[in-house]
Amino acid sequence: MSLRERVLIGLGVLGAIGLVVYPLAYRVSTEQARAHPSTAPTPARTFATPSIAPTPFAPNAPSIDEPWRAEATEHRGLYGESFDYVCSPDGTFGLIWGTDTYTDDSSVCTAGVHQGVITRELGGTVRITIRPALAKYVGTTRNGVTTKSFGTWDGSYQVVKP
């Protein structure tokens, strides 16, 4: 095997390792940040994300992808409570862990597409119900969304039809 082939194989292996390590490093960093919150959020009865697209004349308008970044960690522990999220059309899928029951730091809009409640193209309202933590979250592929598996996580939610 030539030196060039060995270098290319080595770069491929490093790239594959990066694809595995990056999501794990993200989870560890978010767990550490949440372990020492500076202030506890005040729970709200409903949560709606903005659905306004930016225009050239409104440089501070929210991005169309902001709703797709929304997660449910602020509702952790409010078991049985339901919250609505408004997801704009043509958003970008966010990170998501689990199937049917998702970690509370998963993108709510992406979970709505995974459950078949909304589509990415049309957006819509996603209603979630807060659930207790699970020992294991299993990833699957549904409706064009692939979720990841994860072990124990402190909070979760389920998508329900509004």
N, C-alpha and C. Protein backbone atom coordinates (compact mmCIF):
# COMPACT_ATOMS: atom_id res chain seq x y z
N MET A 1 0.85 -1.17 0.00
CA MET A 1 0.00 0.00 0.00
C MET A 1 0.90 1.23 0.00
N SER A 2 0.56 2.18 -0.84
CA SER A 2 1.38 3.37 -0.97
C SER A 2 1.16 4.31 0.22
N LEU A 3 2.07 5.24 0.40
CA LEU A 3 1.96 6.24 1.46
C LEU A 3 0.69 7.06 1.29
N ARG A 4 0.36 7.42 0.07
CA ARG A 4 -0.85 8.21 -0.20
C ARG A 4 -2.11 7.45 0.24
N GLU A 5 -2.16 6.16 -0.07
CA GLU A 5 -3.31 5.35 0.32
C GLU A 5 -3.42 5.25 1.85
N ARG A 6 -2.29 5.10 2.52
CA ARG A 6 -2.30 5.03 3.99
C ARG A 6 -2.76 6.34 4.60
N VAL A 7 -2.32 7.46 4.02
CA VAL A 7 -2.74 8.78 4.52
C VAL A 7 -4.24 8.96 4.33
N LEU A 8 -4.75 8.58 3.16
CA LEU A 8 -6.19 8.71 2.90
C LEU A 8 -7.01 7.83 3.83
N ILE A 9 -6.55 6.64 4.09
CA ILE A 9 -7.25 5.75 5.03
C ILE A 9 -7.22 6.36 6.43
N GLY A 10 -6.06 6.88 6.83
CA GLY A 10 -5.94 7.52 8.14
C GLY A 10 -6.87 8.70 8.29
N LEU A 11 -6.97 9.53 7.25
CA LEU A 11 -7.89 10.67 7.29
C LEU A 11 -9.34 10.21 7.36
N GLY A 12 -9.67 9.15 6.65
CA GLY A 12 -11.03 8.61 6.70
C GLY A 12 -11.38 8.10 8.10
N VAL A 13 -10.42 7.42 8.73
CA VAL A 13 -10.64 6.92 10.09
C VAL A 13 -10.82 8.09 11.05
N LEU A 14 -9.99 9.11 10.95
CA LEU A 14 -10.14 10.29 11.81
C LEU A 14 -11.49 10.97 11.60
N GLY A 15 -11.93 11.06 10.36
CA GLY A 15 -13.24 11.66 10.08
C GLY A 15 -14.36 10.86 10.70
N ALA A 16 -14.28 9.53 10.61
CA ALA A 16 -15.31 8.66 11.21
C ALA A 16 -15.32 8.80 12.72
N ILE A 17 -14.15 8.89 13.33
CA ILE A 17 -14.08 9.08 14.79
C ILE A 17 -14.71 10.42 15.16
N GLY A 18 -14.46 11.45 14.38
CA GLY A 18 -15.05 12.76 14.64
C GLY A 18 -16.57 12.72 14.59
N LEU A 19 -17.15 11.95 13.68
CA LEU A 19 -18.60 11.83 13.57
C LEU A 19 -19.20 11.16 14.80
N VAL A 20 -18.42 10.34 15.48
CA VAL A 20 -18.91 9.67 16.70
C VAL A 20 -18.66 10.55 17.92
N VAL A 21 -17.49 11.15 18.01
CA VAL A 21 -17.10 11.90 19.20
C VAL A 21 -17.84 13.23 19.32
N TYR A 22 -18.08 13.92 18.22
CA TYR A 22 -18.73 15.25 18.29
C TYR A 22 -20.09 15.21 18.98
N PRO A 23 -21.03 14.30 18.57
CA PRO A 23 -22.33 14.29 19.28
C PRO A 23 -22.20 13.94 20.76
N LEU A 24 -21.26 13.06 21.09
CA LEU A 24 -21.07 12.71 22.50
C LEU A 24 -20.51 13.89 23.29
N ALA A 25 -19.58 14.63 22.69
CA ALA A 25 -19.02 15.81 23.36
C ALA A 25 -20.10 16.86 23.56
N TYR A 26 -20.98 17.01 22.59
CA TYR A 26 -22.09 17.96 22.73
C TYR A 26 -22.96 17.57 23.91
N ARG A 27 -23.32 16.29 24.02
CA ARG A 27 -24.18 15.84 25.12
C ARG A 27 -23.51 16.07 26.47
N VAL A 28 -22.21 15.76 26.57
CA VAL A 28 -21.49 15.95 27.83
C VAL A 28 -21.47 17.43 28.20
N SER A 29 -21.21 18.30 27.23
CA SER A 29 -21.14 19.73 27.54
C SER A 29 -22.51 20.27 27.95
N THR A 30 -23.59 19.80 27.32
CA THR A 30 -24.91 20.28 27.72
C THR A 30 -25.30 19.73 29.08
N GLU A 31 -24.90 18.49 29.39
CA GLU A 31 -25.18 17.94 30.72
C GLU A 31 -24.46 18.75 31.79
N GLN A 32 -23.20 19.12 31.55
CA GLN A 32 -22.44 19.90 32.52
C GLN A 32 -23.03 21.28 32.69
N ALA A 33 -23.46 21.91 31.60
CA ALA A 33 -24.04 23.25 31.69
C ALA A 33 -25.36 23.21 32.45
N ARG A 34 -26.12 22.15 32.28
CA ARG A 34 -27.41 22.04 32.96
C ARG A 34 -27.26 21.60 34.41
N ALA A 35 -26.13 20.99 34.74
CA ALA A 35 -25.91 20.55 36.11
C ALA A 35 -25.72 21.73 37.05
N HIS A 36 -25.27 22.87 36.51
CA HIS A 36 -25.02 24.06 37.32
C HIS A 36 -25.70 25.27 36.70
N PRO A 37 -27.05 25.26 36.64
CA PRO A 37 -27.72 26.42 36.04
C PRO A 37 -27.56 27.66 36.89
N SER A 38 -27.46 28.81 36.22
CA SER A 38 -27.30 30.07 36.94
C SER A 38 -28.62 30.51 37.55
N THR A 39 -29.70 30.30 36.85
CA THR A 39 -31.03 30.61 37.38
C THR A 39 -32.01 29.57 36.88
N ALA A 40 -32.99 29.24 37.68
CA ALA A 40 -34.00 28.27 37.26
C ALA A 40 -35.07 29.00 36.47
N PRO A 41 -35.49 28.44 35.33
CA PRO A 41 -36.52 29.10 34.55
C PRO A 41 -37.88 29.02 35.25
N THR A 42 -38.70 30.01 35.02
CA THR A 42 -40.05 30.00 35.54
C THR A 42 -40.92 29.24 34.57
N PRO A 43 -41.56 28.14 35.02
CA PRO A 43 -42.37 27.35 34.09
C PRO A 43 -43.56 28.17 33.58
N ALA A 44 -43.85 28.01 32.31
CA ALA A 44 -44.99 28.68 31.70
C ALA A 44 -46.02 27.62 31.32
N ARG A 45 -47.27 28.00 31.25
CA ARG A 45 -48.32 27.04 30.91
C ARG A 45 -48.26 26.66 29.43
N THR A 46 -47.97 27.59 28.56
CA THR A 46 -47.83 27.29 27.14
C THR A 46 -46.54 27.92 26.63
N PHE A 47 -46.05 27.39 25.56
CA PHE A 47 -44.80 27.89 24.98
C PHE A 47 -44.97 27.92 23.48
N ALA A 48 -44.95 29.08 22.89
CA ALA A 48 -45.05 29.22 21.44
C ALA A 48 -43.79 29.89 20.93
N THR A 49 -43.23 29.34 19.90
CA THR A 49 -42.02 29.90 19.32
C THR A 49 -42.40 30.84 18.19
N PRO A 50 -41.56 31.84 17.88
CA PRO A 50 -41.90 32.77 16.80
C PRO A 50 -41.90 32.07 15.45
N SER A 51 -42.76 32.52 14.57
CA SER A 51 -42.80 31.93 13.23
C SER A 51 -42.62 33.00 12.16
N ILE A 52 -41.89 34.06 12.49
CA ILE A 52 -41.67 35.18 11.58
C ILE A 52 -40.35 34.97 10.85
N ALA A 53 -40.39 35.07 9.54
CA ALA A 53 -39.17 34.95 8.75
C ALA A 53 -38.48 36.30 8.69
N PRO A 54 -37.15 36.32 8.66
CA PRO A 54 -36.44 37.60 8.59
C PRO A 54 -36.67 38.27 7.24
N THR A 55 -36.63 39.59 7.24
CA THR A 55 -36.74 40.36 6.00
C THR A 55 -35.53 41.28 5.92
N PRO A 56 -35.22 41.81 4.74
CA PRO A 56 -34.06 42.70 4.63
C PRO A 56 -34.22 43.96 5.48
N PHE A 57 -35.45 44.37 5.81
CA PHE A 57 -35.67 45.58 6.57
C PHE A 57 -35.78 45.33 8.07
N ALA A 58 -35.70 44.09 8.48
CA ALA A 58 -35.79 43.74 9.90
C ALA A 58 -34.62 42.82 10.26
N PRO A 59 -33.41 43.39 10.39
CA PRO A 59 -32.23 42.54 10.60
C PRO A 59 -32.26 41.78 11.92
N ASN A 60 -33.03 42.21 12.89
CA ASN A 60 -33.09 41.50 14.17
C ASN A 60 -34.27 40.55 14.28
N ALA A 61 -34.98 40.32 13.19
CA ALA A 61 -36.11 39.38 13.21
C ALA A 61 -35.58 37.97 13.45
N PRO A 62 -36.39 37.12 14.11
CA PRO A 62 -35.93 35.77 14.38
C PRO A 62 -35.71 34.97 13.10
N SER A 63 -34.77 34.08 13.14
CA SER A 63 -34.48 33.20 12.02
C SER A 63 -35.63 32.22 11.84
N ILE A 64 -35.85 31.77 10.61
CA ILE A 64 -36.88 30.79 10.34
C ILE A 64 -36.58 29.48 11.07
N ASP A 65 -35.31 29.24 11.41
CA ASP A 65 -34.93 28.00 12.08
C ASP A 65 -35.03 28.08 13.60
N GLU A 66 -35.27 29.28 14.17
CA GLU A 66 -35.36 29.39 15.63
C GLU A 66 -36.38 28.43 16.23
N PRO A 67 -37.61 28.34 15.70
CA PRO A 67 -38.55 27.41 16.30
C PRO A 67 -38.06 25.97 16.26
N TRP A 68 -37.28 25.63 15.28
CA TRP A 68 -36.81 24.25 15.12
C TRP A 68 -35.69 23.93 16.11
N ARG A 69 -35.15 24.94 16.78
CA ARG A 69 -34.14 24.72 17.82
C ARG A 69 -34.78 24.57 19.21
N ALA A 70 -36.06 24.87 19.33
CA ALA A 70 -36.74 24.85 20.63
C ALA A 70 -36.75 23.44 21.22
N GLU A 71 -36.50 23.38 22.51
CA GLU A 71 -36.53 22.12 23.24
C GLU A 71 -37.41 22.30 24.48
N ALA A 72 -37.56 21.25 25.27
CA ALA A 72 -38.53 21.28 26.38
C ALA A 72 -37.88 21.23 27.76
N THR A 73 -36.59 21.50 27.86
CA THR A 73 -35.93 21.37 29.17
C THR A 73 -36.51 22.30 30.22
N GLU A 74 -37.04 23.45 29.81
CA GLU A 74 -37.59 24.38 30.80
C GLU A 74 -38.85 23.83 31.47
N HIS A 75 -39.43 22.79 30.92
CA HIS A 75 -40.64 22.20 31.49
C HIS A 75 -40.35 20.92 32.27
N ARG A 76 -39.09 20.60 32.46
CA ARG A 76 -38.70 19.36 33.13
C ARG A 76 -39.37 19.27 34.50
N GLY A 77 -39.92 18.10 34.79
CA GLY A 77 -40.55 17.86 36.09
C GLY A 77 -42.03 18.19 36.13
N LEU A 78 -42.56 18.83 35.10
CA LEU A 78 -43.98 19.18 35.08
C LEU A 78 -44.78 18.04 34.43
N TYR A 79 -44.65 16.84 35.00
CA TYR A 79 -45.21 15.62 34.43
C TYR A 79 -46.71 15.75 34.16
N GLY A 80 -47.10 15.35 32.95
CA GLY A 80 -48.50 15.40 32.57
C GLY A 80 -48.93 16.74 31.98
N GLU A 81 -48.12 17.78 32.14
CA GLU A 81 -48.45 19.10 31.57
C GLU A 81 -48.18 19.07 30.06
N SER A 82 -49.01 19.77 29.30
CA SER A 82 -48.85 19.83 27.85
C SER A 82 -48.53 21.26 27.41
N PHE A 83 -47.73 21.37 26.34
CA PHE A 83 -47.28 22.66 25.82
C PHE A 83 -47.32 22.61 24.30
N ASP A 84 -47.70 23.73 23.69
CA ASP A 84 -47.76 23.83 22.24
C ASP A 84 -46.55 24.62 21.72
N TYR A 85 -46.00 24.15 20.61
CA TYR A 85 -44.90 24.82 19.93
C TYR A 85 -45.32 25.09 18.50
N VAL A 86 -45.09 26.29 18.00
CA VAL A 86 -45.41 26.64 16.62
C VAL A 86 -44.13 26.53 15.80
N CYS A 87 -44.17 25.67 14.79
CA CYS A 87 -43.00 25.39 13.96
C CYS A 87 -43.19 26.01 12.57
N SER A 88 -42.27 26.87 12.18
CA SER A 88 -42.37 27.55 10.89
C SER A 88 -42.14 26.57 9.74
N PRO A 89 -42.67 26.88 8.56
CA PRO A 89 -42.41 26.04 7.39
C PRO A 89 -40.93 26.07 6.99
N ASP A 90 -40.48 24.99 6.40
CA ASP A 90 -39.14 24.87 5.84
C ASP A 90 -38.02 25.07 6.85
N GLY A 91 -38.23 24.65 8.08
CA GLY A 91 -37.18 24.74 9.10
C GLY A 91 -36.11 23.69 8.88
N THR A 92 -35.04 23.80 9.65
CA THR A 92 -33.94 22.84 9.58
C THR A 92 -34.06 21.88 10.75
N PHE A 93 -34.00 20.58 10.47
CA PHE A 93 -34.10 19.58 11.53
C PHE A 93 -33.04 19.83 12.60
N GLY A 94 -33.44 19.67 13.84
CA GLY A 94 -32.53 19.80 14.97
C GLY A 94 -32.12 18.43 15.50
N LEU A 95 -31.30 18.43 16.54
CA LEU A 95 -30.86 17.19 17.16
C LEU A 95 -32.01 16.57 17.94
N ILE A 96 -32.07 15.23 17.92
CA ILE A 96 -33.20 14.53 18.55
C ILE A 96 -32.77 13.13 18.98
N TRP A 97 -33.19 12.75 20.19
CA TRP A 97 -32.86 11.44 20.75
C TRP A 97 -34.15 10.77 21.21
N GLY A 98 -34.32 9.49 20.83
CA GLY A 98 -35.46 8.71 21.28
C GLY A 98 -36.49 8.46 20.20
N THR A 99 -37.50 7.68 20.54
CA THR A 99 -38.62 7.35 19.67
C THR A 99 -39.87 7.28 20.52
N ASP A 100 -40.91 7.96 20.13
CA ASP A 100 -42.17 8.06 20.87
C ASP A 100 -41.99 8.86 22.17
N THR A 101 -40.96 8.57 22.93
CA THR A 101 -40.57 9.40 24.07
C THR A 101 -39.17 9.93 23.76
N TYR A 102 -39.03 11.26 23.80
CA TYR A 102 -37.79 11.93 23.40
C TYR A 102 -37.14 12.59 24.61
N THR A 103 -35.81 12.72 24.59
CA THR A 103 -35.14 13.48 25.65
C THR A 103 -35.63 14.91 25.58
N ASP A 104 -35.73 15.58 26.73
CA ASP A 104 -36.32 16.92 26.73
C ASP A 104 -35.42 17.98 26.09
N ASP A 105 -34.19 17.61 25.73
CA ASP A 105 -33.34 18.55 25.00
C ASP A 105 -33.37 18.29 23.49
N SER A 106 -34.31 17.46 23.04
CA SER A 106 -34.48 17.20 21.61
C SER A 106 -35.33 18.30 20.97
N SER A 107 -35.08 18.57 19.71
CA SER A 107 -35.85 19.55 18.95
C SER A 107 -37.31 19.13 18.88
N VAL A 108 -38.21 19.96 19.44
CA VAL A 108 -39.63 19.64 19.47
C VAL A 108 -40.21 19.58 18.05
N CYS A 109 -39.86 20.53 17.21
CA CYS A 109 -40.39 20.53 15.84
C CYS A 109 -39.93 19.30 15.07
N THR A 110 -38.67 18.91 15.24
CA THR A 110 -38.15 17.72 14.57
C THR A 110 -38.87 16.48 15.07
N ALA A 111 -39.14 16.42 16.38
CA ALA A 111 -39.90 15.29 16.94
C ALA A 111 -41.31 15.25 16.35
N GLY A 112 -41.90 16.43 16.10
CA GLY A 112 -43.22 16.48 15.49
C GLY A 112 -43.24 15.86 14.10
N VAL A 113 -42.18 16.10 13.32
CA VAL A 113 -42.07 15.48 12.00
C VAL A 113 -41.84 13.98 12.16
N HIS A 114 -40.96 13.58 13.07
CA HIS A 114 -40.67 12.17 13.31
C HIS A 114 -41.95 11.42 13.68
N GLN A 115 -42.82 12.04 14.47
CA GLN A 115 -44.09 11.42 14.88
C GLN A 115 -45.15 11.51 13.80
N GLY A 116 -44.95 12.34 12.77
CA GLY A 116 -45.93 12.47 11.71
C GLY A 116 -47.04 13.47 12.00
N VAL A 117 -46.84 14.33 13.01
CA VAL A 117 -47.85 15.33 13.37
C VAL A 117 -47.78 16.54 12.44
N ILE A 118 -46.56 16.92 12.01
CA ILE A 118 -46.37 18.02 11.06
C ILE A 118 -45.38 17.57 10.00
N THR A 119 -45.21 18.40 8.97
CA THR A 119 -44.16 18.16 7.98
C THR A 119 -43.19 19.34 8.03
N ARG A 120 -41.97 19.10 7.60
CA ARG A 120 -40.98 20.17 7.56
C ARG A 120 -41.42 21.26 6.59
N GLU A 121 -41.98 20.86 5.46
CA GLU A 121 -42.35 21.82 4.43
C GLU A 121 -43.47 22.76 4.87
N LEU A 122 -44.46 22.25 5.59
CA LEU A 122 -45.62 23.05 5.98
C LEU A 122 -45.54 23.59 7.41
N GLY A 123 -44.72 22.97 8.25
CA GLY A 123 -44.67 23.38 9.66
C GLY A 123 -46.00 23.09 10.33
N GLY A 124 -46.27 23.79 11.42
CA GLY A 124 -47.54 23.59 12.13
C GLY A 124 -47.33 23.61 13.64
N THR A 125 -48.35 23.20 14.36
CA THR A 125 -48.29 23.19 15.83
C THR A 125 -47.99 21.79 16.33
N VAL A 126 -47.04 21.70 17.25
CA VAL A 126 -46.69 20.44 17.89
C VAL A 126 -47.03 20.56 19.37
N ARG A 127 -47.84 19.64 19.87
CA ARG A 127 -48.16 19.61 21.30
C ARG A 127 -47.38 18.48 21.94
N ILE A 128 -46.73 18.81 23.05
CA ILE A 128 -45.97 17.79 23.78
C ILE A 128 -46.54 17.66 25.19
N THR A 129 -46.34 16.48 25.78
CA THR A 129 -46.69 16.23 27.17
C THR A 129 -45.42 15.80 27.88
N ILE A 130 -45.13 16.44 29.00
CA ILE A 130 -43.90 16.17 29.75
C ILE A 130 -44.02 14.83 30.47
N ARG A 131 -42.95 14.05 30.39
CA ARG A 131 -42.89 12.71 30.99
C ARG A 131 -41.64 12.60 31.87
N PRO A 132 -41.63 11.62 32.78
CA PRO A 132 -40.44 11.40 33.60
C PRO A 132 -39.27 10.88 32.76
N ALA A 133 -38.11 10.91 33.36
CA ALA A 133 -36.89 10.42 32.70
C ALA A 133 -37.00 8.93 32.39
N LEU A 134 -36.31 8.51 31.35
CA LEU A 134 -36.19 7.09 31.02
C LEU A 134 -34.75 6.66 31.19
N ALA A 135 -34.55 5.37 31.36
CA ALA A 135 -33.20 4.83 31.48
C ALA A 135 -32.53 4.69 30.11
N LYS A 136 -33.36 4.64 29.04
CA LYS A 136 -32.81 4.43 27.71
C LYS A 136 -33.75 5.02 26.67
N TYR A 137 -33.16 5.69 25.67
CA TYR A 137 -33.90 6.26 24.55
C TYR A 137 -33.37 5.59 23.29
N VAL A 138 -34.26 5.02 22.49
CA VAL A 138 -33.87 4.26 21.31
C VAL A 138 -34.12 5.10 20.06
N GLY A 139 -33.12 5.16 19.19
CA GLY A 139 -33.24 5.91 17.95
C GLY A 139 -33.87 5.08 16.84
N THR A 140 -34.59 5.75 15.94
CA THR A 140 -35.21 5.11 14.77
C THR A 140 -35.25 6.12 13.63
N THR A 141 -35.73 5.65 12.48
CA THR A 141 -35.95 6.54 11.34
C THR A 141 -37.43 6.47 10.98
N ARG A 142 -38.07 7.66 10.94
CA ARG A 142 -39.48 7.77 10.55
C ARG A 142 -39.67 9.09 9.82
N ASN A 143 -40.49 9.07 8.81
CA ASN A 143 -40.89 10.30 8.11
C ASN A 143 -39.70 11.17 7.69
N GLY A 144 -38.60 10.52 7.31
CA GLY A 144 -37.42 11.24 6.86
C GLY A 144 -36.55 11.79 7.96
N VAL A 145 -36.85 11.47 9.23
CA VAL A 145 -36.06 11.94 10.37
C VAL A 145 -35.43 10.73 11.06
N THR A 146 -34.11 10.81 11.28
CA THR A 146 -33.40 9.76 12.01
C THR A 146 -33.06 10.30 13.39
N THR A 147 -33.54 9.60 14.42
CA THR A 147 -33.23 9.99 15.79
C THR A 147 -32.07 9.14 16.29
N LYS A 148 -31.44 9.59 17.38
CA LYS A 148 -30.31 8.88 17.95
C LYS A 148 -30.71 8.18 19.23
N SER A 149 -29.97 7.15 19.58
CA SER A 149 -30.16 6.46 20.85
C SER A 149 -29.33 7.14 21.92
N PHE A 150 -29.78 7.05 23.16
CA PHE A 150 -29.03 7.61 24.28
C PHE A 150 -29.41 6.86 25.55
N GLY A 151 -28.54 6.90 26.53
CA GLY A 151 -28.81 6.26 27.82
C GLY A 151 -29.69 7.13 28.70
N THR A 152 -29.47 7.07 29.98
CA THR A 152 -30.27 7.81 30.95
C THR A 152 -30.20 9.31 30.69
N TRP A 153 -31.36 9.99 30.76
CA TRP A 153 -31.45 11.44 30.62
C TRP A 153 -32.51 11.93 31.59
N ASP A 154 -32.31 13.13 32.16
CA ASP A 154 -33.12 13.61 33.28
C ASP A 154 -34.56 13.98 32.96
N GLY A 155 -34.92 14.17 31.72
CA GLY A 155 -36.28 14.57 31.39
C GLY A 155 -36.68 14.12 30.01
N SER A 156 -37.99 14.02 29.78
CA SER A 156 -38.46 13.57 28.47
C SER A 156 -39.83 14.15 28.18
N TYR A 157 -40.26 13.95 26.94
CA TYR A 157 -41.60 14.36 26.52
C TYR A 157 -42.09 13.42 25.41
N GLN A 158 -43.40 13.45 25.22
CA GLN A 158 -44.02 12.73 24.12
C GLN A 158 -44.79 13.73 23.27
N VAL A 159 -44.82 13.49 21.96
CA VAL A 159 -45.60 14.32 21.05
C VAL A 159 -47.01 13.76 21.02
N VAL A 160 -48.00 14.64 21.18
CA VAL A 160 -49.40 14.23 21.13
C VAL A 160 -50.11 15.07 20.07
N LYS A 161 -51.21 14.60 19.56
CA LYS A 161 -51.94 15.38 18.54
C LYS A 161 -52.64 16.55 19.22
N PRO A 162 -52.49 17.77 18.63
CA PRO A 162 -53.14 18.95 19.24
C PRO A 162 -54.66 18.89 19.10
